Amino acid sequence: MLKIIKNCTETEANNKLENVDWKSSFKDLDAFIAILYARGAYASSKLELDSLGSIKWGPPFFRETMSKNRFKEIMKFLRFDIRATRRERLQHDKFAFVSDIWNRFIYNCKISYVPGENITVDEQLFPTKVRCRFTQYMSNKPDKFGIKFWIAVDTKSKYVLNAFPYLGKDETKPQNQALSENVVLRLLEPFTKKGRNVTTDNVFTSVKLAEKLAKLNTTIVGTMNRFRREVPELVKSSRGDHYETVLLKTDNDNCVLTVYQAKPNKNELLLSILHTSVTINTDEKKKKPETVLYYNDTKYGVDAMAVSDAVYFSNWYSHHFPSLQVPLLLIMQRSQKEIIIKGGDLVTINAGTILN
């Protein structure tokens, strides 16, 4: 994969520069990536490159690893595809500028790691304000603007198992299938029929999805949006005593809906086909039911990965469309080199994907 990136970057540079045979090396790319990681490790995401390379103020590592001008050159010309063929590819692939490398990376993720019993599915926003057809605005995210990715990770290791970007309307999606349902089924396709469980939030969880996963020998535990059609009207409007739990089942007894009064004016809805019965810890003050405890233990997979990614994100490349490939490159290199990343002592990632 780095061979492809090297070739695409050199091609872009030589197209831009006249009468110059611009070359890079794998050593250059490794040094470039090392500086990006070091910037995160030094907690310098807000500092300009000139400050990091300063003889007076900057850490020696940056100056000794690569010259500032060389780093800027690679940042300027870094590409994951050949510009000359991009227009044609964009006709049938909205993600053409990076899809070849991205698909290779995800394929290797799938075949190089056997996930545990729990998988987490969620969305993640890669911050950017570049102008493109699929830039999203999400008011509930810290960075607000970016490209949204749907991601499945191994809950225990935070290893990326499968992922793809949201590029707008998907013409291949069955018309009778909701987007959230389609996303989960696509992400889990390589990992079903093995008795695993998937944890989702209320964007994805539904009875229809749970029933489809049950046929694939896969269980689901997830919070549920109270405004979904399958939620009884009584549950939508009623409020119980503080810390009270009410259990409901579907007609076929396959799904258990836990209604937990977490706050005086707000209850939590959790759907599960993993739990045929639900115990309640009456010895605890909050009397949390088993489904709530299980969800809390398995929901953090993608969120924890996002914490780690945020450590290594920088405004150096958030406003320039070609440089959006830098955070994607970080993800791939992190997996390739088996780098252990810690973000605020919340997450440790040690992904052993082999990228060829």
Protein backbone atom coordinates (compact mmCIF):
# COMPACT_ATOMS: atom_id res chain seq x y z
CA MET A 1 0.00 0.00 0.00
CA LEU A 2 2.80 2.43 0.75
CA LYS A 3 4.16 1.67 -2.71
CA ILE A 4 0.91 2.93 -4.21
CA ILE A 5 0.95 6.04 -2.02
CA LYS A 6 4.57 6.71 -2.95
CA ASN A 7 3.83 6.36 -6.67
CA CYS A 8 0.73 8.59 -6.52
CA THR A 9 2.58 11.24 -4.51
CA GLU A 10 5.54 11.31 -6.91
CA THR A 11 3.21 11.51 -9.91
CA GLU A 12 1.36 14.48 -8.39
CA ALA A 13 4.61 16.28 -7.56
CA ASN A 14 6.07 15.83 -11.05
CA ASN A 15 2.84 17.06 -12.64
CA LYS A 16 2.97 20.21 -10.51
CA LEU A 17 6.69 20.91 -10.75
CA GLU A 18 8.23 21.68 -14.13
CA ASN A 19 11.59 20.20 -15.14
CA VAL A 20 12.04 18.58 -11.73
CA ASP A 21 12.31 14.85 -11.09
CA TRP A 22 10.74 14.81 -7.62
CA LYS A 23 11.29 11.59 -5.71
CA SER A 24 10.37 10.27 -2.30
CA SER A 25 11.31 7.13 -0.40
CA PHE A 26 9.71 4.79 2.09
CA LYS A 27 12.07 6.30 4.64
CA ASP A 28 10.60 9.73 3.85
CA LEU A 29 7.05 8.46 4.32
CA ASP A 30 7.94 6.77 7.60
CA ALA A 31 9.60 9.96 8.85
CA PHE A 32 6.60 12.02 7.74
CA ILE A 33 4.22 9.75 9.63
CA ALA A 34 6.52 9.70 12.66
CA ILE A 35 6.33 13.50 12.88
CA LEU A 36 2.53 13.34 12.79
CA TYR A 37 2.51 10.86 15.63
CA ALA A 38 5.09 12.79 17.61
CA ARG A 39 3.02 15.96 17.28
CA GLY A 40 0.18 14.09 18.98
CA ALA A 41 2.45 12.53 21.60
CA TYR A 42 3.85 15.97 22.46
CA ALA A 43 0.27 17.32 22.78
CA SER A 44 1.10 19.89 20.10
CA SER A 45 -1.95 19.57 17.87
CA LYS A 46 -2.55 23.34 17.95
CA LEU A 47 1.04 24.40 17.28
CA GLU A 48 2.17 25.49 13.83
CA LEU A 49 4.84 23.48 12.06
CA ASP A 50 7.26 26.41 12.25
CA SER A 51 7.04 26.38 16.04
CA LEU A 52 7.70 22.65 16.28
CA GLY A 53 10.75 23.03 14.03
CA SER A 54 12.10 26.00 15.96
CA ILE A 55 15.68 25.62 17.20
CA LYS A 56 14.84 27.68 20.26
CA TRP A 57 11.44 26.28 21.22
CA GLY A 58 10.79 23.07 19.30
CA PRO A 59 11.69 19.54 20.49
CA PRO A 60 14.85 18.24 18.74
CA PHE A 61 12.96 15.20 17.43
CA PHE A 62 11.20 17.18 14.69
CA ARG A 63 14.33 18.84 13.32
CA GLU A 64 16.35 15.63 13.46
CA THR A 65 13.71 13.48 11.76
CA MET A 66 12.95 15.59 8.67
CA SER A 67 13.53 19.11 7.47
CA LYS A 68 10.58 21.47 7.62
CA ASN A 69 10.62 22.10 3.87
CA ARG A 70 10.68 18.39 3.05
CA PHE A 71 7.75 17.79 5.38
CA LYS A 72 5.77 20.57 3.71
CA GLU A 73 6.54 19.13 0.27
CA ILE A 74 5.17 15.71 1.19
CA MET A 75 2.13 17.29 2.84
CA LYS A 76 1.50 19.30 -0.34
CA PHE A 77 1.83 16.44 -2.81
CA LEU A 78 0.54 13.48 -0.77
CA ARG A 79 -2.01 11.59 -2.85
CA PHE A 80 -3.73 8.20 -2.75
CA ASP A 81 -4.72 8.16 -6.42
CA ILE A 82 -3.67 9.43 -9.85
CA ARG A 83 -5.28 12.76 -10.66
CA ALA A 84 -5.38 12.09 -14.43
CA THR A 85 -7.88 9.23 -14.04
CA ARG A 86 -9.88 10.68 -11.15
CA ARG A 87 -12.58 12.41 -13.20
CA GLU A 88 -13.55 9.15 -14.88
CA ARG A 89 -13.56 7.23 -11.59
CA LEU A 90 -15.68 9.87 -9.89
CA GLN A 91 -18.52 9.04 -12.25
CA HIS A 92 -19.15 5.79 -10.36
CA ASP A 93 -17.14 6.26 -7.15
CA LYS A 94 -17.67 9.37 -4.99
CA PHE A 95 -14.73 8.37 -2.80
CA ALA A 96 -12.39 7.94 -5.77
CA PHE A 97 -9.59 10.08 -4.35
CA VAL A 98 -8.84 7.47 -1.68
CA SER A 99 -11.10 4.45 -2.26
CA ASP A 100 -8.43 2.14 -3.73
CA ILE A 101 -6.16 2.46 -0.70
CA TRP A 102 -9.07 2.54 1.75
CA ASN A 103 -10.62 -0.65 0.36
CA ARG A 104 -7.28 -2.45 0.49
CA PHE A 105 -6.85 -1.37 4.10
CA ILE A 106 -10.33 -2.52 5.12
CA TYR A 107 -9.86 -5.85 3.33
CA ASN A 108 -6.68 -6.44 5.32
CA CYS A 109 -8.48 -5.47 8.52
CA LYS A 110 -11.08 -8.15 7.87
CA ILE A 111 -8.70 -10.99 7.12
CA SER A 112 -5.94 -10.17 9.61
CA TYR A 113 -7.83 -10.25 12.89
CA VAL A 114 -10.38 -12.52 14.53
CA PRO A 115 -12.66 -10.40 16.73
CA GLY A 116 -13.86 -11.44 20.16
CA GLU A 117 -17.42 -12.04 21.22
CA ASN A 118 -18.41 -8.36 21.29
CA ILE A 119 -18.43 -5.86 18.42
CA THR A 120 -19.40 -2.20 18.65
CA VAL A 121 -20.98 -0.34 15.72
CA ASP A 122 -21.15 3.44 15.69
CA GLU A 123 -20.45 6.53 13.62
CA GLN A 124 -17.36 8.71 13.73
CA LEU A 125 -16.81 12.16 12.27
CA PHE A 126 -13.38 12.84 10.76
CA PRO A 127 -13.05 16.64 11.17
CA THR A 128 -12.67 18.70 8.00
CA LYS A 129 -14.25 21.74 6.39
CA VAL A 130 -13.22 20.90 2.84
CA ARG A 131 -15.87 21.45 0.21
CA CYS A 132 -17.16 18.18 -1.13
CA ARG A 133 -20.54 16.54 -1.67
CA PHE A 134 -20.41 14.42 1.45
CA THR A 135 -19.11 16.81 4.10
CA GLN A 136 -21.49 16.56 7.06
CA TYR A 137 -22.58 18.98 9.74
CA MET A 138 -23.29 17.21 13.04
CA SER A 139 -24.22 19.55 15.87
CA ASN A 140 -23.70 16.85 18.51
CA LYS A 141 -20.02 16.36 17.62
CA PRO A 142 -17.18 18.49 19.03
CA ASP A 143 -15.82 19.42 15.58
CA LYS A 144 -19.24 19.89 13.91
CA PHE A 145 -18.01 19.50 10.29
CA GLY A 146 -16.39 16.47 8.69
CA ILE A 147 -16.78 13.23 6.77
CA LYS A 148 -18.83 10.63 8.59
CA PHE A 149 -17.66 7.04 8.74
CA TRP A 150 -19.66 4.02 9.85
CA ILE A 151 -17.31 1.82 11.89
CA ALA A 152 -17.33 -1.62 13.49
CA VAL A 153 -14.63 -2.30 16.09
CA ASP A 154 -13.71 -5.13 18.39
CA THR A 155 -14.99 -3.93 21.75
CA LYS A 156 -12.07 -5.22 23.78
CA SER A 157 -9.09 -4.23 21.62
CA LYS A 158 -10.68 -1.27 19.72
CA TYR A 159 -9.37 -2.84 16.50
CA VAL A 160 -11.11 -1.51 13.37
CA LEU A 161 -12.87 -4.50 11.83
CA ASN A 162 -14.80 -2.80 9.05
CA ALA A 163 -15.65 0.74 8.02
CA PHE A 164 -16.95 2.81 5.16
CA PRO A 165 -17.76 6.50 4.63
CA TYR A 166 -21.22 7.99 4.31
CA LEU A 167 -21.30 9.44 0.80
CA GLY A 168 -24.94 10.42 0.52
CA LYS A 169 -27.73 8.37 -1.03
CA ASP A 170 -26.68 4.78 -1.68
CA GLU A 171 -28.21 3.48 -4.90
CA THR A 172 -27.31 -0.12 -3.99
CA LYS A 173 -29.31 -0.10 -0.73
CA PRO A 174 -32.56 -2.11 -0.92
CA GLN A 175 -35.55 0.25 -1.01
CA ASN A 176 -37.35 -1.55 1.81
CA GLN A 177 -34.34 -1.36 4.13
CA ALA A 178 -33.63 1.54 6.48
CA LEU A 179 -30.21 3.17 6.23
CA SER A 180 -29.32 2.29 9.84
CA GLU A 181 -30.26 -1.35 9.29
CA ASN A 182 -28.28 -1.51 6.04
CA VAL A 183 -25.20 -0.02 7.70
CA VAL A 184 -25.12 -2.57 10.54
CA LEU A 185 -25.70 -5.54 8.23
CA ARG A 186 -22.94 -4.40 5.85
CA LEU A 187 -20.45 -3.83 8.65
CA LEU A 188 -21.17 -7.17 10.31
CA GLU A 189 -21.41 -9.29 7.16
CA PRO A 190 -17.91 -10.88 7.55
CA PHE A 191 -18.49 -11.60 11.25
CA THR A 192 -21.98 -13.05 11.55
CA LYS A 193 -22.98 -16.70 12.12
CA LYS A 194 -20.36 -17.02 14.86
CA GLY A 195 -22.50 -16.32 17.93
CA ARG A 196 -21.16 -12.81 18.47
CA ASN A 197 -22.99 -9.83 19.95
CA VAL A 198 -23.13 -6.31 18.54
CA THR A 199 -23.69 -3.22 20.66
CA THR A 200 -25.33 -0.21 19.00
CA ASP A 201 -26.83 3.13 20.01
CA ASN A 202 -30.32 4.40 19.28
CA VAL A 203 -29.39 5.46 15.74
CA PHE A 204 -29.26 1.79 14.70
CA THR A 205 -31.25 -0.34 17.15
CA SER A 206 -34.64 -1.66 16.02
CA VAL A 207 -36.73 -4.80 16.39
CA LYS A 208 -36.51 -5.46 12.66
CA LEU A 209 -32.70 -5.36 12.75
CA ALA A 210 -32.65 -7.59 15.85
CA GLU A 211 -34.79 -10.20 14.11
CA LYS A 212 -32.55 -10.20 11.04
CA LEU A 213 -29.42 -10.58 13.16
CA ALA A 214 -31.03 -13.43 15.11
CA LYS A 215 -31.35 -15.36 11.84
CA LEU A 216 -27.60 -14.85 11.36
CA ASN A 217 -26.81 -16.27 14.83
CA THR A 218 -25.85 -12.80 16.06
CA THR A 219 -27.32 -10.99 19.06
CA ILE A 220 -27.75 -7.28 19.65
CA VAL A 221 -27.87 -5.04 22.71
CA GLY A 222 -28.56 -1.37 22.16
CA THR A 223 -30.31 1.76 23.27
CA MET A 224 -33.52 2.45 21.39
CA ASN A 225 -35.11 5.65 20.16
CA ARG A 226 -38.42 6.08 21.96
CA PHE A 227 -40.01 7.49 18.81
CA ARG A 228 -39.64 4.29 16.77
CA ARG A 229 -42.93 2.78 15.67
CA GLU A 230 -42.39 -0.51 17.47
CA VAL A 231 -42.07 1.21 20.88
CA PRO A 232 -45.44 1.02 22.71
CA GLU A 233 -47.22 4.34 23.15
CA LEU A 234 -47.43 3.78 26.90
CA VAL A 235 -43.63 3.65 27.12
CA LYS A 236 -43.24 6.85 25.12
CA SER A 237 -45.40 8.90 27.44
CA SER A 238 -45.29 7.28 30.88
CA ARG A 239 -42.75 7.86 33.64
CA GLY A 240 -42.03 5.44 36.48
CA ASP A 241 -40.46 5.82 39.87
CA HIS A 242 -36.82 6.81 39.99
CA TYR A 243 -34.57 3.76 39.24
CA GLU A 244 -37.60 1.61 38.44
CA THR A 245 -37.27 -1.03 35.71
CA VAL A 246 -40.02 -2.35 33.45
CA LEU A 247 -39.43 -5.30 31.13
CA LEU A 248 -41.39 -5.88 27.91
CA LYS A 249 -41.15 -8.69 25.37
CA THR A 250 -42.14 -9.04 21.73
CA ASP A 251 -44.88 -11.49 20.80
CA ASN A 252 -42.38 -14.20 19.90
CA ASP A 253 -40.37 -13.58 23.13
CA ASN A 254 -37.18 -13.07 21.10
CA CYS A 255 -36.60 -9.44 22.11
CA VAL A 256 -36.52 -7.94 25.58
CA LEU A 257 -37.12 -4.20 25.95
CA THR A 258 -35.77 -2.77 29.20
CA VAL A 259 -37.31 0.53 30.32
CA TYR A 260 -35.11 1.94 33.06
CA GLN A 261 -36.00 5.19 34.83
CA ALA A 262 -32.46 6.55 35.01
CA LYS A 263 -33.58 10.07 35.86
CA PRO A 264 -36.82 11.40 37.32
CA ASN A 265 -37.87 12.86 33.97
CA LYS A 266 -36.07 10.54 31.58
CA ASN A 267 -36.10 6.80 31.04
CA GLU A 268 -33.69 4.69 29.02
CA LEU A 269 -34.84 2.09 26.51
CA LEU A 270 -32.59 -0.88 25.74
CA LEU A 271 -33.40 -3.66 23.32
CA SER A 272 -31.71 -7.04 23.68
CA ILE A 273 -31.96 -10.48 22.14
CA LEU A 274 -28.92 -11.62 24.10
CA HIS A 275 -30.81 -11.66 27.39
CA THR A 276 -33.78 -14.02 27.62
CA SER A 277 -34.34 -12.79 31.18
CA VAL A 278 -33.03 -9.72 33.01
CA THR A 279 -31.80 -9.60 36.58
CA ILE A 280 -31.79 -6.38 38.62
CA ASN A 281 -29.11 -5.51 41.13
CA THR A 282 -31.32 -4.53 44.05
CA ASP A 283 -28.32 -4.20 46.37
CA GLU A 284 -27.13 -1.16 44.40
CA LYS A 285 -28.67 2.26 44.97
CA LYS A 286 -29.48 2.83 41.28
CA LYS A 287 -30.76 -0.76 40.85
CA LYS A 288 -29.42 -1.00 37.32
CA PRO A 289 -30.77 -3.95 35.31
CA GLU A 290 -28.43 -6.45 33.71
CA THR A 291 -29.02 -5.10 30.19
CA VAL A 292 -27.97 -1.57 31.19
CA LEU A 293 -24.78 -2.85 32.84
CA TYR A 294 -23.95 -4.96 29.79
CA TYR A 295 -24.50 -2.04 27.44
CA ASN A 296 -22.31 0.24 29.54
CA ASP A 297 -19.50 -2.32 29.42
CA THR A 298 -19.58 -2.76 25.64
CA LYS A 299 -20.70 0.54 24.13
CA TYR A 300 -17.40 2.42 24.20
CA GLY A 301 -15.52 0.73 21.32
CA VAL A 302 -15.78 3.39 18.61
CA ASP A 303 -15.84 6.25 21.13
CA ALA A 304 -12.55 5.10 22.63
CA MET A 305 -11.00 4.82 19.17
CA ALA A 306 -12.17 8.39 18.45
CA VAL A 307 -10.34 9.62 21.56
CA SER A 308 -7.16 8.08 20.26
CA ASP A 309 -7.63 9.51 16.76
CA ALA A 310 -8.32 12.98 18.16
CA VAL A 311 -4.91 12.98 19.84
CA TYR A 312 -3.27 12.77 16.41
CA PHE A 313 -5.54 15.12 14.48
CA SER A 314 -4.31 18.59 13.51
CA ASN A 315 -5.49 21.75 11.82
CA TRP A 316 -2.47 21.32 9.55
CA TYR A 317 -4.66 19.34 7.17
CA SER A 318 -8.28 19.89 8.17
CA HIS A 319 -9.05 22.57 5.56
CA HIS A 320 -7.27 21.11 2.53
CA PHE A 321 -9.06 18.36 0.61
CA PRO A 322 -6.02 16.34 -0.59
CA SER A 323 -4.51 16.51 2.89
CA LEU A 324 -7.61 14.87 4.31
CA GLN A 325 -5.74 11.70 3.40
CA VAL A 326 -3.31 12.36 6.26
CA PRO A 327 -5.60 11.16 9.09
CA LEU A 328 -6.52 8.15 6.96
CA LEU A 329 -2.82 7.48 6.48
CA LEU A 330 -2.37 7.67 10.25
CA ILE A 331 -4.99 5.00 10.78
CA MET A 332 -3.31 2.68 8.29
CA GLN A 333 0.21 3.25 9.54
CA ARG A 334 -0.89 2.82 13.14
CA SER A 335 -2.18 -0.63 12.28
CA GLN A 336 0.78 -1.53 10.06
CA LYS A 337 3.45 -0.83 12.63
CA GLU A 338 1.56 -2.31 15.60
CA ILE A 339 1.78 1.04 17.36
CA ILE A 340 0.28 1.25 20.83
CA ILE A 341 -1.67 4.46 21.26
CA LYS A 342 -3.02 5.82 24.52
CA GLY A 343 -5.48 8.69 24.68
CA GLY A 344 -6.02 10.14 28.12
CA ASP A 345 -5.49 6.70 29.71
CA LEU A 346 -8.86 5.73 28.24
CA VAL A 347 -7.79 3.53 25.36
CA THR A 348 -4.97 1.31 24.29
CA ILE A 349 -4.84 0.22 20.67
CA ASN A 350 -2.48 -2.46 19.41
CA ALA A 351 -3.72 -3.37 15.94
CA GLY A 352 -1.63 -5.91 14.04
CA THR A 353 -2.90 -5.49 10.48
CA ILE A 354 -0.33 -6.37 7.83
CA LEU A 355 -0.50 -3.93 4.92
CA ASN A 356 1.12 -5.16 1.74
